[in-house]
């Protein structure tokens, strides 16, 4: 395989996300995959084993690797943020109770 053959083969591996239709396909497959993860109680994508393999395959087929990495990181960070916000709210409520006492 020559240099130009390698470059052109690399270009065909990633979906063309410059079109609205392809971006929509990516988002829909991401949403389906994440819904499957939610149903299984899995936060970190990839930790579900083979439970969501069909959805994961479509997600990986329809989205660029860089987008997948971003979406997966955002999912984990969003969950961590929920936990932090819940803890802050609990601390705030406790502080209010102490002030009233």
PDB file of N, CA and C in Angstrom:
ATOM      1  N   UNK A   1       0.854  -1.172   0.000  1.00  0.00           N
ATOM      2  CA  UNK A   1       0.000   0.000   0.000  1.00  0.00           C
ATOM      3  C   UNK A   1       0.901   1.236   0.000  1.00  0.00           C
ATOM      4  N   UNK A   2       0.653   2.138  -0.935  1.00  0.00           N
ATOM      5  CA  UNK A   2       1.431   3.368  -1.022  1.00  0.00           C
ATOM      6  C   UNK A   2       0.927   4.412  -0.055  1.00  0.00           C
ATOM      7  N   UNK A   3       1.678   5.498   0.026  1.00  0.00           N
ATOM      8  CA  UNK A   3       1.344   6.590   0.940  1.00  0.00           C
ATOM      9  C   UNK A   3      -0.047   7.158   0.657  1.00  0.00           C
ATOM     10  N   UNK A   4      -0.343   7.430  -0.620  1.00  0.00           N
ATOM     11  CA  UNK A   4      -1.632   8.027  -0.961  1.00  0.00           C
ATOM     12  C   UNK A   4      -2.785   7.053  -0.753  1.00  0.00           C
ATOM     13  N   UNK A   5      -2.541   5.768  -0.957  1.00  0.00           N
ATOM     14  CA  UNK A   5      -3.564   4.761  -0.685  1.00  0.00           C
ATOM     15  C   UNK A   5      -3.876   4.737   0.807  1.00  0.00           C
ATOM     16  N   UNK A   6      -2.850   4.846   1.625  1.00  0.00           N
ATOM     17  CA  UNK A   6      -3.042   4.838   3.072  1.00  0.00           C
ATOM     18  C   UNK A   6      -3.857   6.053   3.508  1.00  0.00           C
ATOM     19  N   UNK A   7      -3.533   7.220   2.956  1.00  0.00           N
ATOM     20  CA  UNK A   7      -4.252   8.447   3.314  1.00  0.00           C
ATOM     21  C   UNK A   7      -5.712   8.339   2.903  1.00  0.00           C
ATOM     22  N   UNK A   8      -5.972   7.897   1.684  1.00  0.00           N
ATOM     23  CA  UNK A   8      -7.363   7.818   1.242  1.00  0.00           C
ATOM     24  C   UNK A   8      -8.139   6.764   2.021  1.00  0.00           C
ATOM     25  N   UNK A   9      -7.493   5.679   2.439  1.00  0.00           N
ATOM     26  CA  UNK A   9      -8.199   4.670   3.229  1.00  0.00           C
ATOM     27  C   UNK A   9      -8.504   5.208   4.616  1.00  0.00           C
ATOM     28  N   UNK A  10      -7.653   6.048   5.170  1.00  0.00           N
ATOM     29  CA  UNK A  10      -7.905   6.639   6.488  1.00  0.00           C
ATOM     30  C   UNK A  10      -9.091   7.586   6.423  1.00  0.00           C
ATOM     31  N   UNK A  11      -9.233   8.301   5.325  1.00  0.00           N
ATOM     32  CA  UNK A  11     -10.335   9.250   5.194  1.00  0.00           C
ATOM     33  C   UNK A  11     -11.680   8.545   5.149  1.00  0.00           C
ATOM     34  N   UNK A  12     -11.748   7.367   4.586  1.00  0.00           N
ATOM     35  CA  UNK A  12     -13.032   6.678   4.466  1.00  0.00           C
ATOM     36  C   UNK A  12     -13.455   5.998   5.769  1.00  0.00           C
ATOM     37  N   UNK A  13     -12.541   5.863   6.728  1.00  0.00           N
ATOM     38  CA  UNK A  13     -12.885   5.214   7.982  1.00  0.00           C
ATOM     39  C   UNK A  13     -13.794   6.069   8.855  1.00  0.00           C
ATOM     40  N   UNK A  14     -13.663   7.367   8.792  1.00  0.00           N
ATOM     41  CA  UNK A  14     -14.440   8.269   9.632  1.00  0.00           C
ATOM     42  C   UNK A  14     -15.633   8.808   8.841  1.00  0.00           C
ATOM     43  N   UNK A  15     -16.796   8.930   9.481  1.00  0.00           N
ATOM     44  CA  UNK A  15     -17.946   9.497   8.782  1.00  0.00           C
ATOM     45  C   UNK A  15     -17.712  10.971   8.484  1.00  0.00           C
ATOM     46  N   UNK A  16     -18.360  11.463   7.449  1.00  0.00           N
ATOM     47  CA  UNK A  16     -18.261  12.870   7.074  1.00  0.00           C
ATOM     48  C   UNK A  16     -19.264  13.659   7.903  1.00  0.00           C
ATOM     49  N   UNK A  17     -18.801  14.288   8.952  1.00  0.00           N
ATOM     50  CA  UNK A  17     -19.704  14.990   9.861  1.00  0.00           C
ATOM     51  C   UNK A  17     -19.945  16.438   9.448  1.00  0.00           C
ATOM     52  N   UNK A  18     -19.573  16.759   8.203  1.00  0.00           N
ATOM     53  CA  UNK A  18     -19.822  18.115   7.731  1.00  0.00           C
ATOM     54  C   UNK A  18     -21.251  18.285   7.240  1.00  0.00           C
ATOM     55  N   UNK A  19     -21.967  17.188   7.044  1.00  0.00           N
ATOM     56  CA  UNK A  19     -23.353  17.304   6.611  1.00  0.00           C
ATOM     57  C   UNK A  19     -24.294  17.160   7.811  1.00  0.00           C
ATOM     58  N   UNK A  20     -25.366  17.881   7.741  1.00  0.00           N
ATOM     59  CA  UNK A  20     -26.355  17.840   8.822  1.00  0.00           C
ATOM     60  C   UNK A  20     -26.901  16.431   9.011  1.00  0.00           C
ATOM     61  N   UNK A  21     -27.118  15.724   7.912  1.00  0.00           N
ATOM     62  CA  UNK A  21     -27.659  14.365   7.968  1.00  0.00           C
ATOM     63  C   UNK A  21     -26.715  13.432   8.731  1.00  0.00           C
ATOM     64  N   UNK A  22     -25.416  13.523   8.470  1.00  0.00           N
ATOM     65  CA  UNK A  22     -24.452  12.654   9.153  1.00  0.00           C
ATOM     66  C   UNK A  22     -24.301  13.017  10.623  1.00  0.00           C
ATOM     67  N   UNK A  23     -24.348  14.303  10.934  1.00  0.00           N
ATOM     68  CA  UNK A  23     -24.291  14.705  12.347  1.00  0.00           C
ATOM     69  C   UNK A  23     -25.512  14.189  13.091  1.00  0.00           C
ATOM     70  N   UNK A  24     -26.683  14.277  12.452  1.00  0.00           N
ATOM     71  CA  UNK A  24     -27.914  13.791  13.070  1.00  0.00           C
ATOM     72  C   UNK A  24     -27.839  12.290  13.323  1.00  0.00           C
ATOM     73  N   UNK A  25     -27.294  11.540  12.355  1.00  0.00           N
ATOM     74  CA  UNK A  25     -27.124  10.093  12.536  1.00  0.00           C
ATOM     75  C   UNK A  25     -26.209   9.806  13.726  1.00  0.00           C
ATOM     76  N   UNK A  26     -25.157  10.580  13.853  1.00  0.00           N
ATOM     77  CA  UNK A  26     -24.219  10.418  14.969  1.00  0.00           C
ATOM     78  C   UNK A  26     -24.944  10.657  16.291  1.00  0.00           C
ATOM     79  N   UNK A  27     -25.660  11.762  16.382  1.00  0.00           N
ATOM     80  CA  UNK A  27     -26.340  12.102  17.634  1.00  0.00           C
ATOM     81  C   UNK A  27     -27.404  11.064  17.989  1.00  0.00           C
ATOM     82  N   UNK A  28     -28.133  10.574  16.984  1.00  0.00           N
ATOM     83  CA  UNK A  28     -29.168   9.582  17.250  1.00  0.00           C
ATOM     84  C   UNK A  28     -28.558   8.263  17.731  1.00  0.00           C
ATOM     85  N   UNK A  29     -27.449   7.857  17.109  1.00  0.00           N
ATOM     86  CA  UNK A  29     -26.820   6.607  17.544  1.00  0.00           C
ATOM     87  C   UNK A  29     -26.176   6.773  18.918  1.00  0.00           C
ATOM     88  N   UNK A  30     -25.638   7.967  19.202  1.00  0.00           N
ATOM     89  CA  UNK A  30     -25.108   8.244  20.543  1.00  0.00           C
ATOM     90  C   UNK A  30     -26.215   8.156  21.580  1.00  0.00           C
ATOM     91  N   UNK A  31     -27.348   8.786  21.282  1.00  0.00           N
ATOM     92  CA  UNK A  31     -28.470   8.790  22.220  1.00  0.00           C
ATOM     93  C   UNK A  31     -28.988   7.371  22.479  1.00  0.00           C
ATOM     94  N   UNK A  32     -29.043   6.557  21.421  1.00  0.00           N
ATOM     95  CA  UNK A  32     -29.502   5.169  21.584  1.00  0.00           C
ATOM     96  C   UNK A  32     -28.516   4.377  22.437  1.00  0.00           C
ATOM     97  N   UNK A  33     -27.244   4.571  22.200  1.00  0.00           N
ATOM     98  CA  UNK A  33     -26.203   3.871  22.979  1.00  0.00           C
ATOM     99  C   UNK A  33     -26.255   4.310  24.436  1.00  0.00           C
ATOM    100  N   UNK A  34     -26.340   5.609  24.676  1.00  0.00           N
ATOM    101  CA  UNK A  34     -26.378   6.110  26.047  1.00  0.00           C
ATOM    102  C   UNK A  34     -27.665   5.682  26.754  1.00  0.00           C
ATOM    103  N   UNK A  35     -28.791   5.576  26.023  1.00  0.00           N
ATOM    104  CA  UNK A  35     -30.034   5.087  26.626  1.00  0.00           C
ATOM    105  C   UNK A  35     -29.865   3.635  27.063  1.00  0.00           C
ATOM    106  N   UNK A  36     -29.166   2.855  26.257  1.00  0.00           N
ATOM    107  CA  UNK A  36     -28.893   1.464  26.632  1.00  0.00           C
ATOM    108  C   UNK A  36     -28.016   1.423  27.883  1.00  0.00           C
ATOM    109  N   UNK A  37     -26.998   2.275  27.931  1.00  0.00           N
ATOM    110  CA  UNK A  37     -26.136   2.324  29.117  1.00  0.00           C
ATOM    111  C   UNK A  37     -26.945   2.716  30.349  1.00  0.00           C
ATOM    112  N   UNK A  38     -27.828   3.700  30.197  1.00  0.00           N
ATOM    113  CA  UNK A  38     -28.682   4.127  31.316  1.00  0.00           C
ATOM    114  C   UNK A  38     -29.551   2.973  31.802  1.00  0.00           C
ATOM    115  N   UNK A  39     -30.110   2.219  30.858  1.00  0.00           N
ATOM    116  CA  UNK A  39     -30.970   1.097  31.219  1.00  0.00           C
ATOM    117  C   UNK A  39     -30.198   0.024  31.984  1.00  0.00           C
ATOM    118  N   UNK A  40     -28.928  -0.091  31.714  1.00  0.00           N
ATOM    119  CA  UNK A  40     -28.095  -1.090  32.390  1.00  0.00           C
ATOM    120  C   UNK A  40     -27.409  -0.518  33.626  1.00  0.00           C
ATOM    121  N   UNK A  41     -27.583   0.783  33.882  1.00  0.00           N
ATOM    122  CA  UNK A  41     -26.977   1.413  35.051  1.00  0.00           C
ATOM    123  C   UNK A  41     -25.485   1.629  34.908  1.00  0.00           C
ATOM    124  N   UNK A  42     -25.013   1.796  33.680  1.00  0.00           N
ATOM    125  CA  UNK A  42     -23.581   1.976  33.419  1.00  0.00           C
ATOM    126  C   UNK A  42     -23.309   3.447  33.136  1.00  0.00           C
ATOM    127  N   UNK A  43     -22.318   4.006  33.805  1.00  0.00           N
ATOM    128  CA  UNK A  43     -21.950   5.407  33.594  1.00  0.00           C
ATOM    129  C   UNK A  43     -20.882   5.524  32.514  1.00  0.00           C
ATOM    130  N   UNK A  44     -19.801   4.783  32.672  1.00  0.00           N
ATOM    131  CA  UNK A  44     -18.657   4.910  31.768  1.00  0.00           C
ATOM    132  C   UNK A  44     -18.839   4.014  30.546  1.00  0.00           C
ATOM    133  N   UNK A  45     -18.942   4.612  29.348  1.00  0.00           N
ATOM    134  CA  UNK A  45     -19.067   3.805  28.141  1.00  0.00           C
ATOM    135  C   UNK A  45     -17.895   2.833  28.006  1.00  0.00           C
ATOM    136  N   UNK A  46     -18.221   1.615  27.647  1.00  0.00           N
ATOM    137  CA  UNK A  46     -17.209   0.576  27.518  1.00  0.00           C
ATOM    138  C   UNK A  46     -17.221  -0.387  28.686  1.00  0.00           C
ATOM    139  N   UNK A  47     -17.848   0.010  29.789  1.00  0.00           N
ATOM    140  CA  UNK A  47     -17.905  -0.836  30.987  1.00  0.00           C
ATOM    141  C   UNK A  47     -19.097  -1.788  30.988  1.00  0.00           C
ATOM    142  N   UNK A  48     -19.892  -1.773  29.916  1.00  0.00           N
ATOM    143  CA  UNK A  48     -21.116  -2.578  29.887  1.00  0.00           C
ATOM    144  C   UNK A  48     -20.910  -3.984  29.354  1.00  0.00           C
ATOM    145  N   UNK A  49     -19.715  -4.312  28.941  1.00  0.00           N
ATOM    146  CA  UNK A  49     -19.479  -5.634  28.362  1.00  0.00           C
ATOM    147  C   UNK A  49     -20.128  -5.726  26.996  1.00  0.00           C
ATOM    148  N   UNK A  50     -20.875  -6.805  26.773  1.00  0.00           N
ATOM    149  CA  UNK A  50     -21.525  -6.977  25.476  1.00  0.00           C
ATOM    150  C   UNK A  50     -22.993  -6.569  25.513  1.00  0.00           C
ATOM    151  N   UNK A  51     -23.414  -5.976  26.604  1.00  0.00           N
ATOM    152  CA  UNK A  51     -24.822  -5.644  26.797  1.00  0.00           C
ATOM    153  C   UNK A  51     -25.406  -4.662  25.804  1.00  0.00           C
ATOM    154  N   UNK A  52     -24.611  -3.772  25.267  1.00  0.00           N
ATOM    155  CA  UNK A  52     -25.102  -2.765  24.328  1.00  0.00           C
ATOM    156  C   UNK A  52     -24.293  -2.798  23.027  1.00  0.00           C
ATOM    157  N   UNK A  53     -23.857  -3.975  22.639  1.00  0.00           N
ATOM    158  CA  UNK A  53     -22.941  -4.072  21.501  1.00  0.00           C
ATOM    159  C   UNK A  53     -23.550  -3.590  20.191  1.00  0.00           C
ATOM    160  N   UNK A  54     -24.834  -3.829  19.965  1.00  0.00           N
ATOM    161  CA  UNK A  54     -25.465  -3.365  18.724  1.00  0.00           C
ATOM    162  C   UNK A  54     -25.479  -1.840  18.677  1.00  0.00           C
ATOM    163  N   UNK A  55     -25.886  -1.214  19.780  1.00  0.00           N
ATOM    164  CA  UNK A  55     -25.936   0.250  19.847  1.00  0.00           C
ATOM    165  C   UNK A  55     -24.536   0.845  19.768  1.00  0.00           C
ATOM    166  N   UNK A  56     -23.582   0.202  20.432  1.00  0.00           N
ATOM    167  CA  UNK A  56     -22.209   0.688  20.415  1.00  0.00           C
ATOM    168  C   UNK A  56     -21.633   0.611  19.002  1.00  0.00           C
ATOM    169  N   UNK A  57     -21.934  -0.455  18.288  1.00  0.00           N
ATOM    170  CA  UNK A  57     -21.442  -0.598  16.916  1.00  0.00           C
ATOM    171  C   UNK A  57     -21.942   0.509  16.009  1.00  0.00           C
ATOM    172  N   UNK A  58     -23.231   0.838  16.123  1.00  0.00           N
ATOM    173  CA  UNK A  58     -23.788   1.928  15.311  1.00  0.00           C
ATOM    174  C   UNK A  58     -23.182   3.268  15.707  1.00  0.00           C
ATOM    175  N   UNK A  59     -22.998   3.464  16.991  1.00  0.00           N
ATOM    176  CA  UNK A  59     -22.389   4.696  17.512  1.00  0.00           C
ATOM    177  C   UNK A  59     -20.987   4.869  16.944  1.00  0.00           C
ATOM    178  N   UNK A  60     -20.200   3.818  16.990  1.00  0.00           N
ATOM    179  CA  UNK A  60     -18.836   3.892  16.490  1.00  0.00           C
ATOM    180  C   UNK A  60     -18.792   4.003  14.968  1.00  0.00           C
ATOM    181  N   UNK A  61     -19.793   3.474  14.307  1.00  0.00           N
ATOM    182  CA  UNK A  61     -19.852   3.556  12.843  1.00  0.00           C
ATOM    183  C   UNK A  61     -20.266   4.957  12.394  1.00  0.00           C
ATOM    184  N   UNK A  62     -21.166   5.594  13.127  1.00  0.00           N
ATOM    185  CA  UNK A  62     -21.749   6.863  12.695  1.00  0.00           C
ATOM    186  C   UNK A  62     -21.053   8.108  13.223  1.00  0.00           C
ATOM    187  N   UNK A  63     -20.147   7.952  14.176  1.00  0.00           N
ATOM    188  CA  UNK A  63     -19.495   9.114  14.773  1.00  0.00           C
ATOM    189  C   UNK A  63     -17.980   9.035  14.594  1.00  0.00           C
ATOM    190  N   UNK A  64     -17.364  10.178  14.434  1.00  0.00           N
ATOM    191  CA  UNK A  64     -15.905  10.244  14.359  1.00  0.00           C
ATOM    192  C   UNK A  64     -15.314   9.910  15.722  1.00  0.00           C
ATOM    193  N   UNK A  65     -14.145   9.330  15.723  1.00  0.00           N
ATOM    194  CA  UNK A  65     -13.476   8.930  16.969  1.00  0.00           C
ATOM    195  C   UNK A  65     -13.341  10.113  17.926  1.00  0.00           C
ATOM    196  N   UNK A  66     -12.991  11.271  17.402  1.00  0.00           N
ATOM    197  CA  UNK A  66     -12.830  12.449  18.267  1.00  0.00           C
ATOM    198  C   UNK A  66     -14.154  12.828  18.926  1.00  0.00           C
ATOM    199  N   UNK A  67     -15.261  12.658  18.214  1.00  0.00           N
ATOM    200  CA  UNK A  67     -16.571  12.963  18.783  1.00  0.00           C
ATOM    201  C   UNK A  67     -16.926  11.936  19.846  1.00  0.00           C
ATOM    202  N   UNK A  68     -16.639  10.677  19.561  1.00  0.00           N
ATOM    203  CA  UNK A  68     -16.924   9.608  20.524  1.00  0.00           C
ATOM    204  C   UNK A  68     -16.166   9.854  21.819  1.00  0.00           C
ATOM    205  N   UNK A  69     -14.887  10.190  21.706  1.00  0.00           N
ATOM    206  CA  UNK A  69     -14.084  10.475  22.898  1.00  0.00           C
ATOM    207  C   UNK A  69     -14.694  11.632  23.689  1.00  0.00           C
ATOM    208  N   UNK A  70     -15.093  12.685  22.981  1.00  0.00           N
ATOM    209  CA  UNK A  70     -15.688  13.846  23.636  1.00  0.00           C
ATOM    210  C   UNK A  70     -17.001  13.486  24.329  1.00  0.00           C
ATOM    211  N   UNK A  71     -17.910  12.823  23.596  1.00  0.00           N
ATOM    212  CA  UNK A  71     -19.210  12.461  24.173  1.00  0.00           C
ATOM    213  C   UNK A  71     -19.052  11.554  25.391  1.00  0.00           C
ATOM    214  N   UNK A  72     -18.148  10.586  25.300  1.00  0.00           N
ATOM    215  CA  UNK A  72     -17.935   9.657  26.410  1.00  0.00           C
ATOM    216  C   UNK A  72     -17.393  10.381  27.637  1.00  0.00           C
ATOM    217  N   UNK A  73     -16.435  11.297  27.426  1.00  0.00           N
ATOM    218  CA  UNK A  73     -15.891  12.064  28.546  1.00  0.00           C
ATOM    219  C   UNK A  73     -16.953  12.958  29.162  1.00  0.00           C
ATOM    220  N   UNK A  74     -17.774  13.596  28.319  1.00  0.00           N
ATOM    221  CA  UNK A  74     -18.829  14.469  28.827  1.00  0.00           C
ATOM    222  C   UNK A  74     -19.837  13.688  29.657  1.00  0.00           C
ATOM    223  N   UNK A  75     -20.128  12.450  29.243  1.00  0.00           N
ATOM    224  CA  UNK A  75     -21.074  11.625  29.992  1.00  0.00           C
ATOM    225  C   UNK A  75     -20.564  11.372  31.402  1.00  0.00           C
ATOM    226  N   UNK A  76     -19.307  10.998  31.518  1.00  0.00           N
ATOM    227  CA  UNK A  76     -18.715  10.715  32.829  1.00  0.00           C
ATOM    228  C   UNK A  76     -18.642  11.996  33.661  1.00  0.00           C
ATOM    229  N   UNK A  77     -18.205  13.090  33.045  1.00  0.00           N
ATOM    230  CA  UNK A  77     -18.103  14.359  33.771  1.00  0.00           C
ATOM    231  C   UNK A  77     -19.473  14.857  34.242  1.00  0.00           C
ATOM    232  N   UNK A  78     -20.490  14.684  33.417  1.00  0.00           N
ATOM    233  CA  UNK A  78     -21.836  15.123  33.797  1.00  0.00           C
ATOM    234  C   UNK A  78     -22.326  14.353  35.022  1.00  0.00           C
ATOM    235  N   UNK A  79     -22.023  13.079  35.072  1.00  0.00           N
ATOM    236  CA  UNK A  79     -22.424  12.274  36.228  1.00  0.00           C
ATOM    237  C   UNK A  79     -21.681  12.724  37.485  1.00  0.00           C
ATOM    238  N   UNK A  80     -20.393  13.001  37.338  1.00  0.00           N
ATOM    239  CA  UNK A  80     -19.613  13.486  38.479  1.00  0.00           C
ATOM    240  C   UNK A  80     -20.148  14.839  38.943  1.00  0.00           C
ATOM    241  N   UNK A  81     -20.546  15.665  37.994  1.00  0.00           N
ATOM    242  CA  UNK A  81     -21.082  16.974  38.335  1.00  0.00           C
ATOM    243  C   UNK A  81     -22.398  16.830  39.104  1.00  0.00           C
ATOM    244  N   UNK A  82     -23.247  15.892  38.691  1.00  0.00           N
ATOM    245  CA  UNK A  82     -24.501  15.657  39.413  1.00  0.00           C
ATOM    246  C   UNK A  82     -24.222  15.302  40.864  1.00  0.00           C
ATOM    247  N   UNK A  83     -23.251  14.431  41.081  1.00  0.00           N
ATOM    248  CA  UNK A  83     -22.898  14.023  42.441  1.00  0.00           C
ATOM    249  C   UNK A  83     -22.386  15.208  43.251  1.00  0.00           C
ATOM    250  N   UNK A  84     -21.547  16.034  42.630  1.00  0.00           N
ATOM    251  CA  UNK A  84     -21.000  17.207  43.329  1.00  0.00           C
ATOM    252  C   UNK A  84     -22.103  18.194  43.672  1.00  0.00           C
ATOM    253  N   UNK A  85     -23.021  18.420  42.733  1.00  0.00           N
ATOM    254  CA  UNK A  85     -24.119  19.349  42.989  1.00  0.00           C
ATOM    255  C   UNK A  85     -25.049  18.828  44.076  1.00  0.00           C
ATOM    256  N   UNK A  86     -25.290  17.537  44.098  1.00  0.00           N
ATOM    257  CA  UNK A  86     -26.134  16.945  45.142  1.00  0.00           C
ATOM    258  C   UNK A  86     -25.471  17.098  46.504  1.00  0.00           C
ATOM    259  N   UNK A  87     -24.161  16.896  46.554  1.00  0.00           N
ATOM    260  CA  UNK A  87     -23.434  17.046  47.815  1.00  0.00           C
ATOM    261  C   UNK A  87     -23.460  18.499  48.275  1.00  0.00           C
ATOM    262  N   UNK A  88     -23.295  19.430  47.345  1.00  0.00           N
ATOM    263  CA  UNK A  88     -23.329  20.850  47.701  1.00  0.00           C
ATOM    264  C   UNK A  88     -24.711  21.239  48.225  1.00  0.00           C
ATOM    265  N   UNK A  89     -25.760  20.712  47.601  1.00  0.00           N
ATOM    266  CA  UNK A  89     -27.110  21.017  48.051  1.00  0.00           C
ATOM    267  C   UNK A  89     -27.357  20.476  49.455  1.00  0.00           C
ATOM    268  N   UNK A  90     -26.875  19.285  49.731  1.00  0.00           N
ATOM    269  CA  UNK A  90     -27.009  18.693  51.064  1.00  0.00           C
ATOM    270  C   UNK A  90     -26.285  19.547  52.098  1.00  0.00           C
ATOM    271  N   UNK A  91     -25.079  19.979  51.759  1.00  0.00           N
ATOM    272  CA  UNK A  91     -24.315  20.823  52.683  1.00  0.00           C
ATOM    273  C   UNK A  91     -25.014  22.158  52.910  1.00  0.00           C
ATOM    274  N   UNK A  92     -25.603  22.718  51.857  1.00  0.00           N
ATOM    275  CA  UNK A  92     -26.314  23.984  51.987  1.00  0.00           C
ATOM    276  C   UNK A  92     -27.531  23.834  52.903  1.00  0.00           C
ATOM    277  N   UNK A  93     -28.270  22.759  52.725  1.00  0.00           N
ATOM    278  CA  UNK A  93     -29.450  22.525  53.569  1.00  0.00           C
ATOM    279  C   UNK A  93     -29.055  22.322  55.024  1.00  0.00           C
ATOM    280  N   UNK A  94     -27.959  21.631  55.249  1.00  0.00           N
ATOM    281  CA  UNK A  94     -27.494  21.420  56.615  1.00  0.00           C
ATOM    282  C   UNK A  94     -27.053  22.743  57.246  1.00  0.00           C
ATOM    283  N   UNK A  95     -26.393  23.578  56.462  1.00  0.00           N
ATOM    284  CA  UNK A  95     -25.963  24.883  56.975  1.00  0.00           C
ATOM    285  C   UNK A  95     -27.176  25.740  57.333  1.00  0.00           C
ATOM    286  N   UNK A  96     -28.221  25.674  56.542  1.00  0.00           N
ATOM    287  CA  UNK A  96     -29.440  26.436  56.828  1.00  0.00           C
ATOM    288  C   UNK A  96     -30.089  25.943  58.102  1.00  0.00           C
ATOM    289  N   UNK A  97     -30.124  24.624  58.302  1.00  0.00           N
ATOM    290  CA  UNK A  97     -30.710  24.069  59.527  1.00  0.00           C
ATOM    291  C   UNK A  97     -29.914  24.523  60.759  1.00  0.00           C
ATOM    292  N   UNK A  98     -28.602  24.548  60.626  1.00  0.00           N
ATOM    293  CA  UNK A  98     -27.749  24.951  61.760  1.00  0.00           C
ATOM    294  C   UNK A  98     -27.993  26.420  62.115  1.00  0.00           C
ATOM    295  N   UNK A  99     -28.176  27.269  61.087  1.00  0.00           N
ATOM    296  CA  UNK A  99     -28.410  28.681  61.347  1.00  0.00           C
ATOM    297  C   UNK A  99     -29.736  28.894  62.049  1.00  0.00           C
ATOM    298  N   UNK A 100     -30.729  28.067  61.745  1.00  0.00           N
ATOM    299  CA  UNK A 100     -32.048  28.201  62.364  1.00  0.00           C
ATOM    300  C   UNK A 100     -32.033  27.737  63.812  1.00  0.00           C
ATOM    301  N   UNK A 101     -31.112  26.851  64.143  1.00  0.00           N
ATOM    302  CA  UNK A 101     -31.076  26.287  65.510  1.00  0.00           C
ATOM    303  C   UNK A 101     -30.523  27.240  66.498  1.00  0.00           C
TER     304      UNK A 101
END
